[in-house]
């Protein structure tokens, strides 16, 4: 079980969990008609390093920001990843609203793959079990499904959609696992012929 805080900071913090976060999948224009596709994720976790988030907040929103000669500490966007309901991940239906069928994982706790998932031994996934006082079911982060969100949008959204924030040790664990997953070396498949 992870440790969380419900303390609400005015800025976006690494490890924040927010609800109902929009992701703009695409925008197209044809003959003056603009079409866009938006996906709203029920829960996301902030992955961007907290030192960058803190500097962005300090240099963007403080009184001294108006006297600065540059805005090189500002972020354009914040990396987040969806939290998927564990039961939906087991069934491979966590992206069914997007017509995407994912592989299934046995929900039987004695099965090896389930144990690996729950112990965070599968590099692609991170399992989170929340305390009873947090209204979030057991969830999984799929490190393959991260995206960026505008920093101003996220800061404004946090006012109404903040759920909780992970304690330092747990957000650092996720950060290390996420960066390790991204840094993996993709080896080509070698055929026998």
Protein backbone atom coordinates (compact mmCIF):
# COMPACT_ATOMS: atom_id res chain seq x y z
CA UNK A 1 0.00 0.00 0.00
CA UNK A 2 1.27 3.44 -0.91
CA UNK A 3 1.34 6.53 1.30
CA UNK A 4 -0.43 9.64 0.10
CA UNK A 5 -1.17 13.15 1.22
CA UNK A 6 -4.32 15.16 0.70
CA UNK A 7 -2.44 18.40 1.30
CA UNK A 8 -3.17 20.69 -1.61
CA UNK A 9 -0.28 22.84 -2.79
CA UNK A 10 -1.07 25.79 -5.07
CA UNK A 11 1.25 24.43 -7.75
CA UNK A 12 1.38 21.17 -9.64
CA UNK A 13 3.58 18.67 -7.79
CA UNK A 14 5.24 15.48 -9.00
CA UNK A 15 3.09 12.59 -7.79
CA UNK A 16 -0.16 14.58 -7.85
CA UNK A 17 -3.15 12.51 -8.88
CA UNK A 18 -5.82 14.50 -10.70
CA UNK A 19 -9.18 13.44 -12.10
CA UNK A 20 -10.83 14.14 -15.46
CA UNK A 21 -7.77 15.32 -17.37
CA UNK A 22 -8.24 16.05 -21.07
CA UNK A 23 -5.81 14.88 -23.72
CA UNK A 24 -6.13 16.37 -27.20
CA UNK A 25 -5.58 13.41 -29.49
CA UNK A 26 -5.55 15.43 -32.70
CA UNK A 27 -6.73 18.64 -34.37
CA UNK A 28 -7.32 18.90 -38.11
CA UNK A 29 -8.56 21.67 -40.39
CA UNK A 30 -10.05 21.07 -43.79
CA UNK A 31 -11.84 23.72 -45.85
CA UNK A 32 -12.20 25.94 -42.79
CA UNK A 33 -13.76 23.22 -40.65
CA UNK A 34 -11.80 22.38 -37.51
CA UNK A 35 -12.14 18.92 -36.05
CA UNK A 36 -10.55 17.76 -32.83
CA UNK A 37 -10.56 14.59 -30.80
CA UNK A 38 -10.35 14.77 -27.04
CA UNK A 39 -9.87 11.91 -24.59
CA UNK A 40 -10.72 12.52 -20.95
CA UNK A 41 -8.78 10.27 -18.62
CA UNK A 42 -10.53 9.63 -15.29
CA UNK A 43 -7.24 9.72 -13.32
CA UNK A 44 -3.67 10.69 -14.12
CA UNK A 45 -0.45 10.97 -12.15
CA UNK A 46 2.08 13.77 -12.69
CA UNK A 47 5.47 12.38 -13.76
CA UNK A 48 7.46 15.58 -14.45
CA UNK A 49 10.31 16.14 -12.00
CA UNK A 50 9.31 18.27 -9.03
CA UNK A 51 12.34 20.56 -9.27
CA UNK A 52 11.19 21.62 -12.75
CA UNK A 53 7.60 22.08 -11.58
CA UNK A 54 8.74 24.15 -8.61
CA UNK A 55 10.96 26.40 -10.74
CA UNK A 56 8.19 26.88 -13.29
CA UNK A 57 5.80 27.93 -10.53
CA UNK A 58 8.30 30.21 -8.83
CA UNK A 59 9.40 31.99 -12.01
CA UNK A 60 6.02 32.07 -13.77
CA UNK A 61 3.63 33.02 -10.97
CA UNK A 62 5.71 35.03 -8.48
CA UNK A 63 5.93 38.80 -8.31
CA UNK A 64 9.57 38.66 -9.36
CA UNK A 65 8.60 36.99 -12.65
CA UNK A 66 7.66 40.38 -14.10
CA UNK A 67 11.21 41.65 -13.62
CA UNK A 68 12.99 38.68 -15.18
CA UNK A 69 14.76 39.12 -18.50
CA UNK A 70 13.86 35.58 -19.65
CA UNK A 71 11.39 32.83 -19.00
CA UNK A 72 13.82 29.94 -19.39
CA UNK A 73 12.50 28.21 -16.25
CA UNK A 74 8.96 27.96 -17.65
CA UNK A 75 7.65 24.60 -18.77
CA UNK A 76 5.60 24.19 -21.93
CA UNK A 77 3.96 21.02 -20.70
CA UNK A 78 3.86 18.47 -17.91
CA UNK A 79 4.23 14.71 -18.38
CA UNK A 80 1.39 12.63 -16.94
CA UNK A 81 0.26 9.03 -17.22
CA UNK A 82 -3.21 7.58 -16.84
CA UNK A 83 -4.10 5.37 -13.88
CA UNK A 84 -6.06 2.35 -15.03
CA UNK A 85 -8.45 0.35 -12.87
CA UNK A 86 -6.63 -2.90 -11.96
CA UNK A 87 -9.67 -5.06 -12.73
CA UNK A 88 -9.92 -3.49 -16.20
CA UNK A 89 -6.22 -4.17 -16.79
CA UNK A 90 -6.73 -7.82 -15.86
CA UNK A 91 -9.49 -8.05 -18.49
CA UNK A 92 -7.55 -6.02 -21.08
CA UNK A 93 -10.46 -3.56 -21.41
CA UNK A 94 -8.95 -0.42 -19.87
CA UNK A 95 -8.84 1.24 -23.32
CA UNK A 96 -12.05 -0.27 -24.69
CA UNK A 97 -13.66 3.20 -24.96
CA UNK A 98 -11.01 3.90 -27.61
CA UNK A 99 -11.70 0.58 -29.36
CA UNK A 100 -8.33 -0.75 -28.23
CA UNK A 101 -8.12 -4.30 -26.89
CA UNK A 102 -5.18 -4.90 -24.58
CA UNK A 103 -3.73 -8.24 -23.51
CA UNK A 104 -5.24 -9.88 -20.44
CA UNK A 105 -3.44 -10.65 -17.21
CA UNK A 106 -4.73 -13.32 -14.88
CA UNK A 107 -6.64 -11.91 -11.92
CA UNK A 108 -5.76 -14.99 -9.85
CA UNK A 109 -3.28 -13.87 -7.22
CA UNK A 110 -1.44 -17.18 -7.25
CA UNK A 111 -0.56 -16.81 -10.95
CA UNK A 112 3.01 -15.71 -11.60
CA UNK A 113 2.19 -12.82 -13.93
CA UNK A 114 -0.30 -11.37 -11.42
CA UNK A 115 2.28 -11.60 -8.65
CA UNK A 116 4.87 -9.89 -10.86
CA UNK A 117 2.41 -7.09 -11.64
CA UNK A 118 1.48 -6.51 -8.00
CA UNK A 119 5.14 -6.57 -6.91
CA UNK A 120 6.11 -4.11 -9.67
CA UNK A 121 8.40 -6.62 -11.33
CA UNK A 122 7.08 -5.99 -14.85
CA UNK A 123 9.01 -2.95 -16.13
CA UNK A 124 6.13 -1.60 -18.22
CA UNK A 125 3.61 -1.41 -15.36
CA UNK A 126 3.43 0.10 -11.90
CA UNK A 127 0.82 -1.16 -9.44
CA UNK A 128 -0.71 1.22 -6.88
CA UNK A 129 -2.91 0.23 -3.96
CA UNK A 130 -4.44 3.23 -2.20
CA UNK A 131 -5.35 3.63 1.48
CA UNK A 132 -9.02 3.17 2.34
CA UNK A 133 -9.56 6.92 2.91
CA UNK A 134 -8.64 7.70 -0.72
CA UNK A 135 -11.48 7.12 -3.20
CA UNK A 136 -9.34 5.36 -5.81
CA UNK A 137 -9.44 1.64 -6.59
CA UNK A 138 -6.26 -0.38 -7.01
CA UNK A 139 -4.69 0.96 -10.18
CA UNK A 140 -1.95 0.39 -12.73
CA UNK A 141 0.24 2.88 -14.56
CA UNK A 142 1.23 1.72 -18.03
CA UNK A 143 4.50 3.54 -18.78
CA UNK A 144 3.81 3.19 -22.49
CA UNK A 145 0.81 5.53 -22.15
CA UNK A 146 2.22 8.86 -21.02
CA UNK A 147 1.39 12.22 -22.57
CA UNK A 148 1.98 15.91 -22.03
CA UNK A 149 -0.50 18.48 -20.78
CA UNK A 150 -0.24 22.26 -20.85
CA UNK A 151 1.13 23.45 -17.50
CA UNK A 152 -1.38 26.32 -17.12
CA UNK A 153 -4.30 24.00 -17.89
CA UNK A 154 -3.10 21.50 -15.28
CA UNK A 155 -2.55 24.18 -12.61
CA UNK A 156 -6.08 25.51 -13.11
CA UNK A 157 -7.56 22.01 -13.19
CA UNK A 158 -5.84 21.12 -9.93
CA UNK A 159 -8.07 23.58 -8.07
CA UNK A 160 -11.13 21.40 -8.58
CA UNK A 161 -9.80 17.99 -9.64
CA UNK A 162 -7.07 17.21 -7.10
CA UNK A 163 -7.43 13.73 -5.56
CA UNK A 164 -4.21 13.26 -3.60
CA UNK A 165 -0.44 13.31 -3.93
CA UNK A 166 1.99 10.45 -3.41
CA UNK A 167 4.52 10.74 -0.62
CA UNK A 168 8.12 11.39 -1.66
CA UNK A 169 9.37 7.82 -1.47
CA UNK A 170 6.56 6.47 -3.67
CA UNK A 171 6.73 9.20 -6.30
CA UNK A 172 10.51 8.73 -6.53
CA UNK A 173 10.01 5.00 -7.03
CA UNK A 174 7.61 5.69 -9.91
CA UNK A 175 9.97 8.30 -11.36
CA UNK A 176 12.90 5.86 -11.32
CA UNK A 177 10.86 3.06 -12.88
CA UNK A 178 9.41 5.38 -15.55
CA UNK A 179 12.81 6.72 -16.61
CA UNK A 180 14.26 3.22 -16.57
CA UNK A 181 11.45 2.03 -18.82
CA UNK A 182 12.04 4.90 -21.26
CA UNK A 183 15.80 4.30 -21.26
CA UNK A 184 15.54 0.62 -22.16
CA UNK A 185 17.38 -0.48 -25.25
CA UNK A 186 15.10 -1.78 -27.97
CA UNK A 187 16.84 -4.65 -29.64
CA UNK A 188 15.72 -5.71 -33.12
CA UNK A 189 14.26 -9.14 -33.62
CA UNK A 190 16.84 -11.34 -35.33
CA UNK A 191 15.52 -13.98 -37.67
CA UNK A 192 17.11 -17.42 -37.92
CA UNK A 193 17.45 -17.18 -41.70
